[in-house]
Amino acid sequence: MSTSITIPRPDDWHLHLRDGAMLGAVLPETARHFARAIIMPNLVPPVVTAAQAAAYRDRILAALPEGMQFDPLMTLYLTEQTDPADVAAAHASGLVKAVKLYPAGATTNSASGVTNFDTVRPVLEKMAEIGLPLCVHGEVTDPDVDIFDREAVFIDRVLDPVRRATPGLRVVMEHITTSNGVEYVQANAADLGATITTHHLIINRNHILVGGIKPHYYCLPVAKRESHRLALRAAATSGDARFFLGTDSAPHTDANKEMACGCAGCFTATNTMALLAHVFDEMGALDKLEGFASRNGPGFYRLPVNTATLTLTKSDAPVTFPTKIATDDGPVTVFDPGFPVHWQVQP
């Protein structure tokens, strides 16, 4: 007996596509199911100016296989040298949909991020004026702060002061991983939203560490204890429009994931929608999947909901997904949830 659900075609509000050979290999995995995605700018060198964003968008579209429809929503990487006028012009042209804040050293390719937040105040004030969202990687990088506490400390030390000092600034807390993040969003107005990843709904820190280190579950922000995972599940399935899907799908080759100092990131583009259907079904909240994956994100970004649809079906037999995606740089392992999945996207 099969169960079926049809929703507007979803969007991914946090996606890493990389560049070059990797871009060409992983882009179809997203474009197969998602109409749009907020594209992360942490290339080397980073996408800092409108001209760089336009060039990157052209490369993405050139790599899109014939017959696939996909709209990359570009972002700028916030640095202490970012020009408010360039940001405003990029937004006015329709090219740039957000600016990304990385605290320097917080994650992959974040060395050009912000150390002194006072230096970026003119940019944030301009963004508040024009309504351009700030996407935040919400972790402090102070070595004295435990890695499992860095999100909660960031909210208190950085995010809340920045928001109080910049009235009207629209902020997306990306890939929240804690009950602290959930509660902060719930306690604030509609100018604050949060993305939640697929993998943080499925794994906790035990999955990374128990029985041996699992490098393909290692990501930043790192998965936390079980109580935080349950808080994320409750938020994602609540119907609250301030929470929406951002996969943070982040491809790294197996060689770079499995080395002595492996890269952070989970590659979930291939099977995210099937895994989300499993989670929402498990939570008795299939009716909330449409809001989380298809409506809440466009609502926050002030964009229309997609008119095309996507259908997922549930079957008695488990579904199989590719274990790896081949790239010219080497194989990329697809996120394995560790349990049988019975949902799949219909072609």
Foldseek 3Di string as FASTA:
>chain_A
DKDKDKFFQFEAAAEEQAADQSNLQCLVLQLVGHAEYEYAQLYVVGQAFLVSLVVVQVRNVVSDDPPTHHDYAYEHEDALPRDLVRVVVSVVVVRHQAYEADAAPQAPSRPRHDDDPVSCLVNQQSCLVVVRAYEYAQFDDPPVDPLQCGNLVSVVPPVVVSCVVHPNHQYEDEQDAFLSVVVVLVVDDLSYAYEHALLSLQDAVCVQPPPHGDLLQFAPSHHHDPVSSVSVLCSLLVLPLRYAHHHQQDWDAPVQSPDPDHHHHHHASNCRVLSVCVSCVVVVRNVSNNSRGFNSVCVNSVHDTHPHMKMKMFDPDFDDTDQWTQTPVHITGHDDSPDTTRMDIDD
